[in-house]
Amino acid sequence: MHININLTDPPSETTLPVSATTCPDSSPRTEPNPPHLYFAYGSNLSPTQMKMRCTVNPSQSGKPLAIALLPKWRWLICEAGYANVLPPKGLRVGTQKSEIAEKVPISGSEDAVYGVLYAMDPADEAILDGYEGIDRDAEEAGGEDVSVEIRPREQGEGDYNKWYLDATIVEWLDDGVHGKGSSGDQVPVLVYVDEERIRLGPPREEYIGRMNRAIRESVGLGVSGKWVDEVMRRFIPE
C-alpha cells in the first residue's frame, strides 16, 4: 500500500533563516513540511547526530519514525571515505552505469539497503543539504535516464544529489505519522546520492566512530543486525 505522509499536527509554516540556506542573498521565507521523509543510511542513522545537526527543530527532525528498505540498492563506503548508495540498474546515471559500479557488492542476503526515516523540518533539511554538499545552482535534469520526479536536478558541483522515490517500510516507530500504516507500506522519501564517487574505498578515521554509533543506535531501533554484519561490517571495523 502506498501512503501519504501526514504529521500528527497540521503542517506548520517554518521560517527559514538566511543562515540555514545556501542562497546568501535570499530573505527569510516560510515553507510547509515536505511531503517526503528523509531516508538516512550513513552516520545520520544515529538520532543523536541528527539532533545535533538539526538545530532548528531537533525534536521533530531528529526523531526516528520508521525503519525502511530500498530494495535492490547497494550500500558502500566510496573513495571519499563516506557512505553512499548505488541505485539498481535502470535507475543509474553517468558513472553509476560504468564498470566501476559492477564492483559494488550486493547488499546482503536481502539485496537491499536499510535506513531510518525522519520527518524533516524544511529548515533542517536545508542544513542537511549543507552537510551533504548539495549544489543549489545545479541545472535541472533532462530526465533521459531517470525521471525528473526522482532526480529533479543534476549533481553539478555538489558532493551528493537529492533523489525522491518510494521506500518500503519494515517497521513504524511512531504511530502519529502513519495512522494505520503497516510493514510493507510504500512511502515517499528523500535519499542523498553521490552519483560520481562509487569506487569502493576505506572509511575516514573520524567516520568510523560516528558510524559505529549509528550502527548501535539504529540496530537498537530495529535495523537488522544480520544486515549490518553482512554489509556495513565489510567496511566499518568495530
Protein backbone atom coordinates (compact mmCIF):
# COMPACT_ATOMS: atom_id res chain seq x y z
CA MET A 1 0.00 0.00 0.00
CA HIS A 2 1.28 3.48 -0.87
CA ILE A 3 0.57 6.09 1.77
CA ASN A 4 0.99 9.83 2.01
CA ILE A 5 2.87 11.36 4.91
CA ASN A 6 0.74 13.21 7.44
CA LEU A 7 2.23 14.52 10.67
CA THR A 8 0.17 14.30 13.85
CA ASP A 9 -0.17 18.07 13.90
CA PRO A 10 -1.09 20.05 10.76
CA PRO A 11 1.98 21.02 8.73
CA SER A 12 3.48 24.08 10.34
CA GLU A 13 4.90 27.02 8.47
CA THR A 14 8.59 27.20 9.30
CA THR A 15 10.67 30.32 8.86
CA LEU A 16 13.93 29.58 7.13
CA PRO A 17 16.74 31.80 8.40
CA VAL A 18 19.20 33.03 5.82
CA SER A 19 21.98 31.11 7.60
CA ALA A 20 20.10 27.83 7.07
CA THR A 21 20.01 28.18 3.31
CA THR A 22 22.73 28.06 0.70
CA CYS A 23 21.49 31.24 -1.01
CA PRO A 24 23.23 34.15 0.75
CA ASP A 25 21.10 36.81 -0.99
CA SER A 26 17.76 35.22 -0.14
CA SER A 27 15.48 36.70 2.50
CA PRO A 28 13.77 34.60 5.22
CA ARG A 29 10.78 32.68 3.89
CA THR A 30 8.27 30.12 5.06
CA GLU A 31 7.78 26.60 3.78
CA PRO A 32 5.39 23.79 4.77
CA ASN A 33 6.65 20.44 5.96
CA PRO A 34 7.75 18.43 2.90
CA PRO A 35 5.63 15.51 1.56
CA HIS A 36 8.56 13.11 1.93
CA LEU A 37 10.52 11.56 4.77
CA TYR A 38 14.32 11.60 4.90
CA PHE A 39 15.95 8.18 4.39
CA ALA A 40 19.21 8.11 6.40
CA TYR A 41 21.68 5.32 5.63
CA GLY A 42 25.04 6.58 6.89
CA SER A 43 26.06 8.33 10.10
CA ASN A 44 22.63 10.00 10.23
CA LEU A 45 21.23 6.61 11.19
CA SER A 46 22.11 7.98 14.62
CA PRO A 47 19.30 10.06 16.17
CA THR A 48 21.95 11.55 18.43
CA GLN A 49 23.80 13.01 15.45
CA MET A 50 20.55 14.12 13.81
CA LYS A 51 19.55 16.10 16.89
CA MET A 52 22.97 17.76 16.95
CA ARG A 53 22.82 18.68 13.26
CA CYS A 54 19.16 19.72 13.05
CA THR A 55 19.38 22.83 15.18
CA VAL A 56 16.14 24.49 14.03
CA ASN A 57 13.68 21.80 15.13
CA PRO A 58 15.65 18.87 16.60
CA SER A 59 12.67 17.37 18.41
CA GLN A 60 10.95 16.79 15.05
CA SER A 61 13.84 16.36 12.63
CA GLY A 62 15.87 14.13 14.95
CA LYS A 63 13.05 11.78 15.89
CA PRO A 64 13.24 8.36 14.14
CA LEU A 65 9.87 7.42 12.67
CA ALA A 66 10.43 4.13 10.87
CA ILE A 67 12.86 1.51 9.64
CA ALA A 68 12.71 1.18 5.86
CA LEU A 69 14.32 -0.53 2.87
CA LEU A 70 15.44 0.44 -0.60
CA PRO A 71 15.16 -2.90 -2.44
CA LYS A 72 17.90 -3.73 -4.97
CA TRP A 73 20.00 -0.72 -3.92
CA ARG A 74 23.61 -1.23 -2.77
CA TRP A 75 25.43 0.27 0.23
CA LEU A 76 29.11 1.15 0.15
CA ILE A 77 31.87 3.30 1.50
CA CYS A 78 33.10 5.21 -1.53
CA GLU A 79 36.54 6.61 -2.31
CA ALA A 80 35.71 9.81 -0.42
CA GLY A 81 35.57 7.75 2.79
CA TYR A 82 31.84 8.16 3.44
CA ALA A 83 28.68 6.09 2.94
CA ASN A 84 26.98 6.11 -0.43
CA VAL A 85 24.24 4.12 -2.15
CA LEU A 86 24.05 2.78 -5.69
CA PRO A 87 20.64 2.57 -7.38
CA PRO A 88 19.53 -0.61 -9.15
CA LYS A 89 20.09 -0.98 -12.88
CA GLY A 90 17.50 1.02 -14.74
CA LEU A 91 17.85 3.94 -12.30
CA ARG A 92 21.53 4.70 -12.87
CA VAL A 93 23.13 7.77 -14.41
CA GLY A 94 26.64 8.67 -15.51
CA THR A 95 29.37 6.89 -13.56
CA GLN A 96 26.75 4.65 -11.95
CA LYS A 97 26.48 2.87 -15.32
CA SER A 98 30.23 2.23 -15.62
CA GLU A 99 32.18 -0.95 -14.91
CA ILE A 100 33.16 0.54 -11.54
CA ALA A 101 29.57 0.07 -10.38
CA GLU A 102 29.74 -3.66 -11.03
CA LYS A 103 32.37 -3.95 -8.29
CA VAL A 104 29.93 -2.74 -5.64
CA PRO A 105 28.69 -5.92 -3.92
CA ILE A 106 25.03 -6.79 -3.47
CA SER A 107 23.87 -5.55 -0.09
CA GLY A 108 23.50 -8.77 1.84
CA SER A 109 21.09 -11.67 1.56
CA GLU A 110 18.14 -9.25 1.45
CA ASP A 111 19.62 -7.38 -1.55
CA ALA A 112 18.51 -4.04 -0.11
CA VAL A 113 19.68 -1.01 1.86
CA TYR A 114 18.30 -0.38 5.35
CA GLY A 115 17.60 3.13 6.55
CA VAL A 116 15.97 5.14 9.32
CA LEU A 117 13.26 7.63 8.34
CA TYR A 118 12.87 11.12 9.77
CA ALA A 119 10.25 13.85 9.14
CA MET A 120 12.46 16.83 8.42
CA ASP A 121 11.62 20.42 9.22
CA PRO A 122 12.34 22.28 5.94
CA ALA A 123 14.94 24.49 7.63
CA ASP A 124 16.74 21.43 9.00
CA GLU A 125 16.64 19.79 5.56
CA ALA A 126 18.39 22.90 4.26
CA ILE A 127 21.02 22.43 6.97
CA LEU A 128 21.50 18.78 5.91
CA ASP A 129 21.86 19.96 2.31
CA GLY A 130 24.90 21.87 3.54
CA TYR A 131 26.36 18.84 5.31
CA GLU A 132 25.82 16.73 2.18
CA GLY A 133 27.29 19.37 -0.13
CA ILE A 134 24.26 19.94 -2.33
CA ASP A 135 24.82 22.27 -5.30
CA ARG A 136 21.81 24.61 -5.20
CA ASP A 137 22.79 26.05 -8.57
CA ALA A 138 22.95 22.74 -10.42
CA GLU A 139 20.96 22.68 -13.63
CA GLU A 140 17.69 20.84 -13.97
CA ALA A 141 17.99 17.21 -15.03
CA GLY A 142 16.84 16.24 -18.50
CA GLY A 143 15.17 13.02 -17.44
CA GLU A 144 16.82 10.92 -20.17
CA ASP A 145 17.96 8.14 -17.83
CA VAL A 146 15.94 8.76 -14.66
CA SER A 147 12.62 10.55 -14.30
CA VAL A 148 12.80 14.16 -13.15
CA GLU A 149 10.28 13.24 -10.44
CA ILE A 150 13.01 11.03 -8.93
CA ARG A 151 16.02 13.18 -9.82
CA PRO A 152 14.99 16.78 -10.47
CA ARG A 153 18.50 18.21 -10.84
CA GLU A 154 21.99 17.24 -11.89
CA GLN A 155 24.59 16.77 -9.16
CA GLY A 156 26.59 19.64 -10.59
CA GLU A 157 29.50 20.65 -8.38
CA GLY A 158 27.94 19.05 -5.30
CA ASP A 159 29.13 16.07 -3.28
CA TYR A 160 25.66 14.46 -3.30
CA ASN A 161 22.38 14.87 -5.17
CA LYS A 162 18.79 14.69 -3.92
CA TRP A 163 16.66 11.80 -5.15
CA TYR A 164 12.97 11.24 -4.37
CA LEU A 165 11.42 7.79 -4.57
CA ASP A 166 9.46 5.23 -2.57
CA ALA A 167 10.95 3.15 0.24
CA THR A 168 9.42 0.04 1.80
CA ILE A 169 8.52 0.20 5.47
CA VAL A 170 9.93 -2.54 7.69
CA GLU A 171 8.57 -1.18 10.95
CA TRP A 172 6.89 2.04 12.05
CA LEU A 173 8.30 3.53 15.24
CA ASP A 174 5.78 6.37 15.66
CA ASP A 175 2.03 5.82 15.27
CA GLY A 176 1.34 9.51 14.85
CA VAL A 177 2.83 9.77 11.37
CA HIS A 178 1.29 6.88 9.53
CA GLY A 179 -2.09 6.33 11.15
CA LYS A 180 -2.90 2.71 10.45
CA GLY A 181 0.12 2.01 8.30
CA SER A 182 1.97 -1.28 8.49
CA SER A 183 5.09 -3.04 7.32
CA GLY A 184 5.24 -3.21 3.55
CA ASP A 185 3.86 0.31 3.09
CA GLN A 186 5.45 2.36 0.32
CA VAL A 187 6.31 5.92 1.39
CA PRO A 188 7.99 8.79 -0.48
CA VAL A 189 11.49 9.52 0.77
CA LEU A 190 14.46 11.77 0.12
CA VAL A 191 17.78 9.99 -0.41
CA TYR A 192 21.14 11.77 -0.76
CA VAL A 193 23.08 10.02 -3.55
CA ASP A 194 26.64 10.67 -4.72
CA GLU A 195 26.34 9.85 -8.40
CA GLU A 196 30.04 10.32 -9.17
CA ARG A 197 32.05 8.61 -6.40
CA ILE A 198 31.10 4.94 -6.48
CA ARG A 199 34.54 3.36 -6.27
CA LEU A 200 34.98 1.30 -3.11
CA GLY A 201 37.29 2.81 -0.50
CA PRO A 202 38.17 2.73 3.19
CA PRO A 203 36.24 4.89 5.67
CA ARG A 204 37.84 8.04 7.01
CA GLU A 205 39.20 7.60 10.51
CA GLU A 206 36.81 10.12 12.07
CA TYR A 207 33.89 8.48 10.29
CA ILE A 208 34.45 5.06 11.87
CA GLY A 209 33.45 6.23 15.33
CA ARG A 210 30.38 8.03 14.04
CA MET A 211 29.34 5.01 12.01
CA ASN A 212 29.72 2.69 14.99
CA ARG A 213 27.45 4.97 16.99
CA ALA A 214 24.99 4.97 14.08
CA ILE A 215 25.10 1.17 13.92
CA ARG A 216 24.49 0.78 17.67
CA GLU A 217 21.60 3.21 17.72
CA SER A 218 19.92 2.01 14.51
CA VAL A 219 20.15 -1.67 15.45
CA GLY A 220 18.59 -0.69 18.75
CA LEU A 221 15.73 0.84 16.78
CA GLY A 222 15.21 -2.22 14.59
CA VAL A 223 17.70 -2.22 11.72
CA SER A 224 18.71 -5.82 11.04
CA GLY A 225 21.88 -6.81 12.88
CA LYS A 226 22.41 -9.55 10.33
CA TRP A 227 22.28 -6.99 7.53
CA VAL A 228 24.77 -4.79 9.36
CA ASP A 229 27.17 -7.72 9.67
CA GLU A 230 26.74 -8.70 6.02
CA VAL A 231 27.00 -5.21 4.55
CA MET A 232 28.33 -2.46 6.81
CA ARG A 233 30.96 -4.55 8.58
CA ARG A 234 32.68 -5.14 5.24
CA PHE A 235 33.76 -1.51 5.53
CA ILE A 236 33.35 -0.37 9.14
CA PRO A 237 35.55 -2.03 11.79
CA GLU A 238 34.21 -2.30 15.32
